[in-house]
Amino acid sequence: MGMGWGWLFLALLIVGSVLLVVALVRGWSGRGDAPRSTDRSRAREVLDERYARGEIDTDEYQDRVQQMGERE
């Protein structure tokens, strides 16, 4: 009977290890994409703020939005 529990423990250990590796890989790869999208949205946010304060005119605003590859 002791041998049965040993196999169960080994199986749970393997499954847990695989799940841990999958979670680490997903977390690691997810962090690489997040800053890029956040930086782009932050750039647009700053541009919108400058336009709202009147620091840049409509033509400059539209030109910079176009350079960022976004639409108004």
PDB file of N, CA and C in Angstrom:
ATOM      1  N   MET A   1       0.819  -1.198   0.000  1.00  0.00           N
ATOM      2  CA  MET A   1       0.000   0.000   0.000  1.00  0.00           C
ATOM      3  C   MET A   1       0.863   1.262   0.000  1.00  0.00           C
ATOM      4  N   GLY A   2       2.005   1.205   0.624  1.00  0.00           N
ATOM      5  CA  GLY A   2       2.900   2.350   0.647  1.00  0.00           C
ATOM      6  C   GLY A   2       3.377   2.722  -0.740  1.00  0.00           C
ATOM      7  N   MET A   3       3.506   1.762  -1.611  1.00  0.00           N
ATOM      8  CA  MET A   3       3.971   2.022  -2.969  1.00  0.00           C
ATOM      9  C   MET A   3       2.946   2.835  -3.757  1.00  0.00           C
ATOM     10  N   GLY A   4       1.661   2.615  -3.526  1.00  0.00           N
ATOM     11  CA  GLY A   4       0.608   3.367  -4.213  1.00  0.00           C
ATOM     12  C   GLY A   4       0.643   4.849  -3.893  1.00  0.00           C
ATOM     13  N   TRP A   5       0.857   5.169  -2.623  1.00  0.00           N
ATOM     14  CA  TRP A   5       0.950   6.573  -2.239  1.00  0.00           C
ATOM     15  C   TRP A   5       2.196   7.235  -2.830  1.00  0.00           C
ATOM     16  N   GLY A   6       3.253   6.488  -2.977  1.00  0.00           N
ATOM     17  CA  GLY A   6       4.480   7.019  -3.575  1.00  0.00           C
ATOM     18  C   GLY A   6       4.262   7.420  -5.022  1.00  0.00           C
ATOM     19  N   TRP A   7       3.554   6.590  -5.787  1.00  0.00           N
ATOM     20  CA  TRP A   7       3.253   6.919  -7.179  1.00  0.00           C
ATOM     21  C   TRP A   7       2.325   8.132  -7.268  1.00  0.00           C
ATOM     22  N   LEU A   8       1.369   8.224  -6.377  1.00  0.00           N
ATOM     23  CA  LEU A   8       0.453   9.369  -6.364  1.00  0.00           C
ATOM     24  C   LEU A   8       1.221  10.649  -6.065  1.00  0.00           C
ATOM     25  N   PHE A   9       2.095  10.587  -5.080  1.00  0.00           N
ATOM     26  CA  PHE A   9       2.902  11.762  -4.745  1.00  0.00           C
ATOM     27  C   PHE A   9       3.781  12.170  -5.924  1.00  0.00           C
ATOM     28  N   LEU A  10       4.395  11.207  -6.591  1.00  0.00           N
ATOM     29  CA  LEU A  10       5.248  11.489  -7.741  1.00  0.00           C
ATOM     30  C   LEU A  10       4.446  12.116  -8.868  1.00  0.00           C
ATOM     31  N   ALA A  11       3.252  11.587  -9.134  1.00  0.00           N
ATOM     32  CA  ALA A  11       2.402  12.133 -10.189  1.00  0.00           C
ATOM     33  C   ALA A  11       2.000  13.575  -9.860  1.00  0.00           C
ATOM     34  N   LEU A  12       1.621  13.839  -8.614  1.00  0.00           N
ATOM     35  CA  LEU A  12       1.256  15.201  -8.220  1.00  0.00           C
ATOM     36  C   LEU A  12       2.445  16.155  -8.297  1.00  0.00           C
ATOM     37  N   LEU A  13       3.610  15.660  -7.961  1.00  0.00           N
ATOM     38  CA  LEU A  13       4.819  16.471  -8.043  1.00  0.00           C
ATOM     39  C   LEU A  13       5.122  16.850  -9.496  1.00  0.00           C
ATOM     40  N   ILE A  14       4.976  15.903 -10.399  1.00  0.00           N
ATOM     41  CA  ILE A  14       5.231  16.180 -11.822  1.00  0.00           C
ATOM     42  C   ILE A  14       4.210  17.172 -12.369  1.00  0.00           C
ATOM     43  N   VAL A  15       2.932  16.933 -12.068  1.00  0.00           N
ATOM     44  CA  VAL A  15       1.882  17.848 -12.545  1.00  0.00           C
ATOM     45  C   VAL A  15       2.104  19.250 -11.984  1.00  0.00           C
ATOM     46  N   GLY A  16       2.435  19.346 -10.708  1.00  0.00           N
ATOM     47  CA  GLY A  16       2.690  20.650 -10.099  1.00  0.00           C
ATOM     48  C   GLY A  16       3.880  21.358 -10.723  1.00  0.00           C
ATOM     49  N   SER A  17       4.919  20.612 -11.027  1.00  0.00           N
ATOM     50  CA  SER A  17       6.105  21.202 -11.660  1.00  0.00           C
ATOM     51  C   SER A  17       5.780  21.732 -13.051  1.00  0.00           C
ATOM     52  N   VAL A  18       5.016  20.957 -13.813  1.00  0.00           N
ATOM     53  CA  VAL A  18       4.633  21.396 -15.164  1.00  0.00           C
ATOM     54  C   VAL A  18       3.779  22.666 -15.078  1.00  0.00           C
ATOM     55  N   LEU A  19       2.818  22.694 -14.170  1.00  0.00           N
ATOM     56  CA  LEU A  19       1.980  23.879 -14.017  1.00  0.00           C
ATOM     57  C   LEU A  19       2.793  25.102 -13.594  1.00  0.00           C
ATOM     58  N   LEU A  20       3.760  24.891 -12.741  1.00  0.00           N
ATOM     59  CA  LEU A  20       4.625  25.990 -12.321  1.00  0.00           C
ATOM     60  C   LEU A  20       5.431  26.542 -13.494  1.00  0.00           C
ATOM     61  N   VAL A  21       5.983  25.664 -14.304  1.00  0.00           N
ATOM     62  CA  VAL A  21       6.749  26.104 -15.469  1.00  0.00           C
ATOM     63  C   VAL A  21       5.855  26.873 -16.441  1.00  0.00           C
ATOM     64  N   VAL A  22       4.643  26.361 -16.690  1.00  0.00           N
ATOM     65  CA  VAL A  22       3.717  27.042 -17.600  1.00  0.00           C
ATOM     66  C   VAL A  22       3.365  28.426 -17.061  1.00  0.00           C
ATOM     67  N   ALA A  23       3.097  28.533 -15.767  1.00  0.00           N
ATOM     68  CA  ALA A  23       2.767  29.822 -15.166  1.00  0.00           C
ATOM     69  C   ALA A  23       3.938  30.797 -15.270  1.00  0.00           C
ATOM     70  N   LEU A  24       5.145  30.319 -15.042  1.00  0.00           N
ATOM     71  CA  LEU A  24       6.318  31.190 -15.138  1.00  0.00           C
ATOM     72  C   LEU A  24       6.540  31.674 -16.562  1.00  0.00           C
ATOM     73  N   VAL A  25       6.375  30.789 -17.528  1.00  0.00           N
ATOM     74  CA  VAL A  25       6.568  31.175 -18.931  1.00  0.00           C
ATOM     75  C   VAL A  25       5.516  32.197 -19.346  1.00  0.00           C
ATOM     76  N   ARG A  26       4.277  31.976 -18.957  1.00  0.00           N
ATOM     77  CA  ARG A  26       3.221  32.942 -19.299  1.00  0.00           C
ATOM     78  C   ARG A  26       3.476  34.285 -18.637  1.00  0.00           C
ATOM     79  N   GLY A  27       3.867  34.287 -17.401  1.00  0.00           N
ATOM     80  CA  GLY A  27       4.145  35.536 -16.705  1.00  0.00           C
ATOM     81  C   GLY A  27       5.330  36.271 -17.279  1.00  0.00           C
ATOM     82  N   TRP A  28       6.335  35.524 -17.623  1.00  0.00           N
ATOM     83  CA  TRP A  28       7.536  36.113 -18.190  1.00  0.00           C
ATOM     84  C   TRP A  28       7.269  36.719 -19.558  1.00  0.00           C
ATOM     85  N   SER A  29       6.598  36.011 -20.421  1.00  0.00           N
ATOM     86  CA  SER A  29       6.336  36.512 -21.769  1.00  0.00           C
ATOM     87  C   SER A  29       5.319  37.632 -21.750  1.00  0.00           C
ATOM     88  N   GLY A  30       4.400  37.634 -20.801  1.00  0.00           N
ATOM     89  CA  GLY A  30       3.406  38.694 -20.711  1.00  0.00           C
ATOM     90  C   GLY A  30       4.003  40.032 -20.344  1.00  0.00           C
ATOM     91  N   ARG A  31       5.038  40.025 -19.518  1.00  0.00           N
ATOM     92  CA  ARG A  31       5.675  41.271 -19.101  1.00  0.00           C
ATOM     93  C   ARG A  31       6.397  41.951 -20.248  1.00  0.00           C
ATOM     94  N   GLY A  32       6.871  41.211 -21.198  1.00  0.00           N
ATOM     95  CA  GLY A  32       7.587  41.806 -22.322  1.00  0.00           C
ATOM     96  C   GLY A  32       6.691  42.630 -23.208  1.00  0.00           C
ATOM     97  N   ASP A  33       5.427  42.304 -23.314  1.00  0.00           N
ATOM     98  CA  ASP A  33       4.516  43.027 -24.186  1.00  0.00           C
ATOM     99  C   ASP A  33       3.878  44.227 -23.508  1.00  0.00           C
ATOM    100  N   ALA A  34       3.671  44.169 -22.239  1.00  0.00           N
ATOM    101  CA  ALA A  34       2.932  45.207 -21.540  1.00  0.00           C
ATOM    102  C   ALA A  34       3.561  46.593 -21.637  1.00  0.00           C
ATOM    103  N   PRO A  35       4.861  46.772 -21.401  1.00  0.00           N
ATOM    104  CA  PRO A  35       5.403  48.123 -21.437  1.00  0.00           C
ATOM    105  C   PRO A  35       5.252  48.810 -22.780  1.00  0.00           C
ATOM    106  N   ARG A  36       5.372  48.059 -23.857  1.00  0.00           N
ATOM    107  CA  ARG A  36       5.245  48.683 -25.168  1.00  0.00           C
ATOM    108  C   ARG A  36       3.875  49.310 -25.360  1.00  0.00           C
ATOM    109  N   SER A  37       2.809  48.571 -25.066  1.00  0.00           N
ATOM    110  CA  SER A  37       1.473  49.111 -25.236  1.00  0.00           C
ATOM    111  C   SER A  37       1.211  50.232 -24.237  1.00  0.00           C
ATOM    112  N   THR A  38       1.748  50.117 -23.035  1.00  0.00           N
ATOM    113  CA  THR A  38       1.575  51.158 -22.031  1.00  0.00           C
ATOM    114  C   THR A  38       2.320  52.419 -22.443  1.00  0.00           C
ATOM    115  N   ASP A  39       3.539  52.271 -22.970  1.00  0.00           N
ATOM    116  CA  ASP A  39       4.306  53.432 -23.413  1.00  0.00           C
ATOM    117  C   ASP A  39       3.580  54.146 -24.539  1.00  0.00           C
ATOM    118  N   ARG A  40       3.029  53.401 -25.472  1.00  0.00           N
ATOM    119  CA  ARG A  40       2.339  54.016 -26.596  1.00  0.00           C
ATOM    120  C   ARG A  40       1.107  54.771 -26.112  1.00  0.00           C
ATOM    121  N   SER A  41       0.323  54.167 -25.239  1.00  0.00           N
ATOM    122  CA  SER A  41      -0.868  54.847 -24.745  1.00  0.00           C
ATOM    123  C   SER A  41      -0.485  56.055 -23.890  1.00  0.00           C
ATOM    124  N   ARG A  42       0.622  55.954 -23.154  1.00  0.00           N
ATOM    125  CA  ARG A  42       1.089  57.092 -22.353  1.00  0.00           C
ATOM    126  C   ARG A  42       1.535  58.225 -23.272  1.00  0.00           C
ATOM    127  N   ALA A  43       2.180  57.912 -24.385  1.00  0.00           N
ATOM    128  CA  ALA A  43       2.597  58.942 -25.336  1.00  0.00           C
ATOM    129  C   ALA A  43       1.373  59.657 -25.898  1.00  0.00           C
ATOM    130  N   ARG A  44       0.353  58.887 -26.221  1.00  0.00           N
ATOM    131  CA  ARG A  44      -0.878  59.485 -26.744  1.00  0.00           C
ATOM    132  C   ARG A  44      -1.545  60.351 -25.672  1.00  0.00           C
ATOM    133  N   GLU A  45      -1.502  59.898 -24.443  1.00  0.00           N
ATOM    134  CA  GLU A  45      -2.085  60.647 -23.334  1.00  0.00           C
ATOM    135  C   GLU A  45      -1.391  61.994 -23.165  1.00  0.00           C
ATOM    136  N   VAL A  46      -0.068  61.999 -23.221  1.00  0.00           N
ATOM    137  CA  VAL A  46       0.694  63.242 -23.103  1.00  0.00           C
ATOM    138  C   VAL A  46       0.380  64.165 -24.271  1.00  0.00           C
ATOM    139  N   LEU A  47       0.289  63.603 -25.464  1.00  0.00           N
ATOM    140  CA  LEU A  47      -0.034  64.400 -26.640  1.00  0.00           C
ATOM    141  C   LEU A  47      -1.413  65.026 -26.504  1.00  0.00           C
ATOM    142  N   ASP A  48      -2.377  64.256 -26.042  1.00  0.00           N
ATOM    143  CA  ASP A  48      -3.729  64.779 -25.827  1.00  0.00           C
ATOM    144  C   ASP A  48      -3.729  65.917 -24.802  1.00  0.00           C
ATOM    145  N   GLU A  49      -2.949  65.741 -23.733  1.00  0.00           N
ATOM    146  CA  GLU A  49      -2.872  66.781 -22.704  1.00  0.00           C
ATOM    147  C   GLU A  49      -2.259  68.063 -23.256  1.00  0.00           C
ATOM    148  N   ARG A  50      -1.214  67.930 -24.041  1.00  0.00           N
ATOM    149  CA  ARG A  50      -0.576  69.115 -24.622  1.00  0.00           C
ATOM    150  C   ARG A  50      -1.520  69.833 -25.573  1.00  0.00           C
ATOM    151  N   TYR A  51      -2.281  69.067 -26.338  1.00  0.00           N
ATOM    152  CA  TYR A  51      -3.257  69.653 -27.260  1.00  0.00           C
ATOM    153  C   TYR A  51      -4.364  70.360 -26.476  1.00  0.00           C
ATOM    154  N   ALA A  52      -4.831  69.748 -25.398  1.00  0.00           N
ATOM    155  CA  ALA A  52      -5.894  70.347 -24.591  1.00  0.00           C
ATOM    156  C   ALA A  52      -5.435  71.639 -23.923  1.00  0.00           C
ATOM    157  N   ARG A  53      -4.160  71.706 -23.534  1.00  0.00           N
ATOM    158  CA  ARG A  53      -3.634  72.922 -22.905  1.00  0.00           C
ATOM    159  C   ARG A  53      -3.314  74.014 -23.926  1.00  0.00           C
ATOM    160  N   GLY A  54      -3.352  73.674 -25.206  1.00  0.00           N
ATOM    161  CA  GLY A  54      -3.059  74.653 -26.246  1.00  0.00           C
ATOM    162  C   GLY A  54      -1.588  74.794 -26.557  1.00  0.00           C
ATOM    163  N   GLU A  55      -0.767  73.858 -26.108  1.00  0.00           N
ATOM    164  CA  GLU A  55       0.669  73.925 -26.373  1.00  0.00           C
ATOM    165  C   GLU A  55       0.997  73.601 -27.829  1.00  0.00           C
ATOM    166  N   ILE A  56       0.162  72.801 -28.462  1.00  0.00           N
ATOM    167  CA  ILE A  56       0.355  72.472 -29.877  1.00  0.00           C
ATOM    168  C   ILE A  56      -0.960  72.735 -30.613  1.00  0.00           C
ATOM    169  N   ASP A  57      -0.850  73.072 -31.896  1.00  0.00           N
ATOM    170  CA  ASP A  57      -2.059  73.346 -32.677  1.00  0.00           C
ATOM    171  C   ASP A  57      -2.595  72.060 -33.310  1.00  0.00           C
ATOM    172  N   THR A  58      -3.728  72.194 -33.996  1.00  0.00           N
ATOM    173  CA  THR A  58      -4.420  71.032 -34.546  1.00  0.00           C
ATOM    174  C   THR A  58      -3.573  70.312 -35.585  1.00  0.00           C
ATOM    175  N   ASP A  59      -2.898  71.053 -36.453  1.00  0.00           N
ATOM    176  CA  ASP A  59      -2.077  70.419 -37.493  1.00  0.00           C
ATOM    177  C   ASP A  59      -0.931  69.602 -36.884  1.00  0.00           C
ATOM    178  N   GLU A  60      -0.257  70.182 -35.898  1.00  0.00           N
ATOM    179  CA  GLU A  60       0.841  69.459 -35.250  1.00  0.00           C
ATOM    180  C   GLU A  60       0.318  68.229 -34.509  1.00  0.00           C
ATOM    181  N   TYR A  61      -0.824  68.382 -33.860  1.00  0.00           N
ATOM    182  CA  TYR A  61      -1.436  67.252 -33.146  1.00  0.00           C
ATOM    183  C   TYR A  61      -1.739  66.104 -34.111  1.00  0.00           C
ATOM    184  N   GLN A  62      -2.414  66.426 -35.212  1.00  0.00           N
ATOM    185  CA  GLN A  62      -2.777  65.397 -36.190  1.00  0.00           C
ATOM    186  C   GLN A  62      -1.545  64.751 -36.810  1.00  0.00           C
ATOM    187  N   ASP A  63      -0.515  65.553 -37.060  1.00  0.00           N
ATOM    188  CA  ASP A  63       0.723  65.018 -37.631  1.00  0.00           C
ATOM    189  C   ASP A  63       1.388  64.036 -36.671  1.00  0.00           C
ATOM    190  N   ARG A  64       1.436  64.374 -35.410  1.00  0.00           N
ATOM    191  CA  ARG A  64       2.074  63.485 -34.421  1.00  0.00           C
ATOM    192  C   ARG A  64       1.259  62.216 -34.193  1.00  0.00           C
ATOM    193  N   VAL A  65      -0.065  62.341 -34.205  1.00  0.00           N
ATOM    194  CA  VAL A  65      -0.905  61.154 -34.073  1.00  0.00           C
ATOM    195  C   VAL A  65      -0.658  60.227 -35.256  1.00  0.00           C
ATOM    196  N   GLN A  66      -0.557  60.794 -36.437  1.00  0.00           N
ATOM    197  CA  GLN A  66      -0.304  60.001 -37.639  1.00  0.00           C
ATOM    198  C   GLN A  66       1.075  59.337 -37.562  1.00  0.00           C
ATOM    199  N   GLN A  67       2.067  60.033 -37.046  1.00  0.00           N
ATOM    200  CA  GLN A  67       3.406  59.460 -36.911  1.00  0.00           C
ATOM    201  C   GLN A  67       3.420  58.306 -35.915  1.00  0.00           C
ATOM    202  N   MET A  68       2.569  58.372 -34.913  1.00  0.00           N
ATOM    203  CA  MET A  68       2.479  57.291 -33.941  1.00  0.00           C
ATOM    204  C   MET A  68       1.706  56.098 -34.504  1.00  0.00           C
ATOM    205  N   GLY A  69       1.041  56.311 -35.623  1.00  0.00           N
ATOM    206  CA  GLY A  69       0.298  55.209 -36.234  1.00  0.00           C
ATOM    207  C   GLY A  69      -1.058  54.996 -35.626  1.00  0.00           C
ATOM    208  N   GLU A  70      -1.608  56.030 -35.029  1.00  0.00           N
ATOM    209  CA  GLU A  70      -2.922  55.938 -34.409  1.00  0.00           C
ATOM    210  C   GLU A  70      -3.881  56.884 -35.095  1.00  0.00           C
ATOM    211  N   ARG A  71      -5.150  56.620 -34.863  1.00  0.00           N
ATOM    212  CA  ARG A  71      -6.189  57.502 -35.381  1.00  0.00           C
ATOM    213  C   ARG A  71      -6.737  58.342 -34.248  1.00  0.00           C
ATOM    214  N   GLU A  72      -7.315  59.467 -34.626  1.00  0.00           N
ATOM    215  CA  GLU A  72      -7.912  60.347 -33.614  1.00  0.00           C
ATOM    216  C   GLU A  72      -9.124  59.728 -33.000  1.00  0.00           C
TER     217      GLU A  72
END
